[in-house]
């Protein structure tokens, strides 16, 4: 028996914009409930107000263990329990190891790891602890689903993406060991590795650059729509056989060296 998306109770980091926002909107539209965890407090609050009583916002720094623990505790109090955690909070970075101004800025590297890798681990850690207390949700004894977000840069990193690729590669590498460990309590763990998507980051680029990026994608020859990421999250949640996998969502794009 599949889990019911209409009744899901979700935590979504980075839920105020981009991929996370699409997940929250999809879930709430279907009848589920979501807590938006985002560093952009006002953005999350405005989104929750627009979506109505099925959405709540908690301003959260995912890089802080204490902040995430507090946010998950509040989410459980608001929803009664959580059975889905989607890690979408992320930070982009682009810098050559040896640039015109000298070697790579170590603080930039540390920030990429803090948000993308440590931030993901923080939410997985706290969400899994909360899900462990759930009663079984289906006939398989499932207690929840955790979905992390990597990037195709984890596998096809371009020049200047050492920090970003390292952080997303770490997320990808956590997938199988976490799935194996949490299997004993009925929690599935998967990772989505998106390609080029139409998000606030890519919208900030000149239109000519966006067109050049889209031209590199074999098919469909366009940037991905965040709603397509949300559709995959829903499919993962509802399909109990999916576990321990990294799923590329990229239109068959394989990035060159850059």
Foldseek 3Di string as FASTA:
>chain_A
DFFDLLAAQEEEEVLLWFLNVLLQVVSLVSNYAYEYEYCPQVSQCVSDVVSPDRYHYDHADLLDLVRLLVSQVVSCVSSVAHAEYEYDWADAFFAACQDPVGGDDVVRLVVRQSGQASSLVSNVVNNLVRQLPAAQPDPVQARHEYEYEAACCLPQPAGRCPSNNVNSVNVLVVFQVVQVVSVVNRYAYEYEHEYFADIPVVVVDPPVVQQVSLCQQPPPSHHHYSNVSSVVVVVQNGDSVDGSYYHYHYNPGRDHRD
